[in-house]
Amino acid sequence: IKKRQQDVVRFLEANRIEFEEVDITMSEEKRQWMYKNIPEDRQPAQGNPLPPQIFSDDRYCGDYDGFFESKESNTVFSFLGLKPSLASKVSVIWQTFHGILEILRLNFP
């Protein structure tokens, strides 16, 4: 999980996409928001979704596998709902739940 987290953060930093880390360990409301806003067809068969889960405002982008595939195919900005030249603010929301569980939530000005 930590390697996936670092991969996403490194990408954001390398592409100068501003982000903010928010710990939702203590926020049941934010944790429930994450679970509720992952489309049913993208939910795991058992247990909770694995990190990271990526959102653009309230639009679900995908999980780490989707992020990685888009990075490999050079379509990650599209995956994130961004234009490559558009400066954006990204909030990285962290949760500790049997290890580190994170959500990326993109906020546009």
Protein backbone atom coordinates (compact mmCIF):
# COMPACT_ATOMS: atom_id res chain seq x y z
CA ILE A 1 0.00 0.00 0.00
CA LYS A 2 2.82 2.38 0.91
CA LYS A 3 4.51 1.88 -2.49
CA ARG A 4 1.24 2.65 -4.30
CA GLN A 5 0.74 5.73 -2.15
CA GLN A 6 4.27 6.92 -2.93
CA ASP A 7 3.81 6.26 -6.65
CA VAL A 8 0.72 8.48 -6.82
CA VAL A 9 2.30 11.23 -4.70
CA ARG A 10 5.51 11.18 -6.77
CA PHE A 11 3.46 11.57 -9.94
CA LEU A 12 1.54 14.52 -8.48
CA GLU A 13 4.75 16.19 -7.30
CA ALA A 14 6.62 15.57 -10.56
CA ASN A 15 3.76 17.10 -12.54
CA ARG A 16 3.41 20.02 -10.15
CA ILE A 17 -0.16 19.15 -9.24
CA GLU A 18 -0.77 20.79 -5.89
CA PHE A 19 -2.09 18.41 -3.25
CA GLU A 20 -3.01 18.40 0.40
CA GLU A 21 -2.87 15.43 2.75
CA VAL A 22 -5.92 14.90 4.95
CA ASP A 23 -6.11 12.09 7.53
CA ILE A 24 -9.59 10.59 7.74
CA THR A 25 -8.72 8.02 10.37
CA MET A 26 -10.83 9.84 12.89
CA SER A 27 -13.68 10.78 10.53
CA GLU A 28 -16.38 8.17 10.11
CA GLU A 29 -18.25 10.64 7.88
CA LYS A 30 -15.39 10.93 5.39
CA ARG A 31 -14.73 7.21 5.48
CA GLN A 32 -18.38 6.50 4.73
CA TRP A 33 -18.32 9.11 1.95
CA MET A 34 -15.47 7.19 0.29
CA TYR A 35 -17.25 3.83 0.54
CA LYS A 36 -20.54 5.30 -0.66
CA ASN A 37 -19.04 7.10 -3.67
CA ILE A 38 -17.19 4.17 -5.21
CA PRO A 39 -19.57 2.77 -7.84
CA GLU A 40 -21.13 -0.55 -6.94
CA ASP A 41 -19.58 -2.27 -9.96
CA ARG A 42 -16.12 -1.17 -8.76
CA GLN A 43 -16.55 -2.42 -5.19
CA PRO A 44 -14.56 -5.54 -4.24
CA ALA A 45 -16.47 -8.79 -3.89
CA GLN A 46 -15.40 -8.96 -0.24
CA GLY A 47 -14.21 -6.38 2.26
CA ASN A 48 -13.48 -2.73 1.74
CA PRO A 49 -11.95 -1.18 -1.39
CA LEU A 50 -8.15 -1.27 -1.45
CA PRO A 51 -6.18 1.96 -1.61
CA PRO A 52 -5.82 4.31 -3.27
CA GLN A 53 -9.29 5.29 -4.46
CA ILE A 54 -9.18 8.35 -6.71
CA PHE A 55 -11.92 10.95 -7.17
CA SER A 56 -12.22 14.14 -9.19
CA ASP A 57 -14.60 16.26 -7.15
CA ASP A 58 -17.41 13.74 -6.64
CA ARG A 59 -16.63 11.77 -9.82
CA TYR A 60 -14.93 8.45 -9.23
CA CYS A 61 -11.79 8.08 -11.38
CA GLY A 62 -10.65 4.63 -10.27
CA ASP A 63 -8.26 2.75 -8.05
CA TYR A 64 -4.50 2.34 -8.14
CA ASP A 65 -4.64 -0.28 -10.91
CA GLY A 66 -6.54 2.18 -13.12
CA PHE A 67 -4.07 4.93 -12.23
CA PHE A 68 -1.10 2.68 -13.02
CA GLU A 69 -2.57 1.54 -16.36
CA SER A 70 -3.30 5.13 -17.35
CA LYS A 71 0.23 6.16 -16.36
CA GLU A 72 1.70 3.35 -18.47
CA SER A 73 -0.45 4.31 -21.47
CA ASN A 74 0.30 8.02 -21.01
CA THR A 75 -3.37 8.87 -20.32
CA VAL A 76 -3.15 9.61 -16.60
CA PHE A 77 -4.26 13.24 -16.96
CA SER A 78 -7.39 12.04 -18.70
CA PHE A 79 -7.85 9.41 -15.97
CA LEU A 80 -7.66 12.20 -13.38
CA GLY A 81 -10.00 14.44 -15.39
CA LEU A 82 -7.23 17.01 -15.96
CA LYS A 83 -5.72 18.68 -18.98
CA PRO A 84 -1.92 18.26 -18.96
CA SER A 85 -1.31 22.02 -18.92
CA LEU A 86 -4.00 22.80 -16.34
CA ALA A 87 -2.72 23.57 -12.86
CA SER A 88 -5.04 21.97 -10.33
CA LYS A 89 -5.29 21.44 -6.64
CA VAL A 90 -5.43 17.87 -5.40
CA SER A 91 -6.27 16.76 -1.89
CA VAL A 92 -4.74 13.49 -0.76
CA ILE A 93 -6.90 12.06 1.97
CA TRP A 94 -5.36 9.36 4.15
CA GLN A 95 -7.00 6.80 6.36
CA THR A 96 -5.38 4.29 8.65
CA PHE A 97 -7.41 1.09 8.70
CA HIS A 98 -5.39 -2.10 9.08
CA GLY A 99 -2.54 -0.21 7.43
CA ILE A 100 -2.63 2.96 5.36
CA LEU A 101 -5.73 3.48 3.23
CA GLU A 102 -5.84 6.58 1.11
CA ILE A 103 -8.17 8.40 -1.21
CA LEU A 104 -7.17 11.02 -3.70
CA ARG A 105 -9.77 13.67 -4.20
CA LEU A 106 -9.17 16.27 -6.88
CA ASN A 107 -10.49 19.76 -6.21
CA PHE A 108 -10.75 22.22 -9.04
CA PRO A 109 -10.78 25.99 -8.47
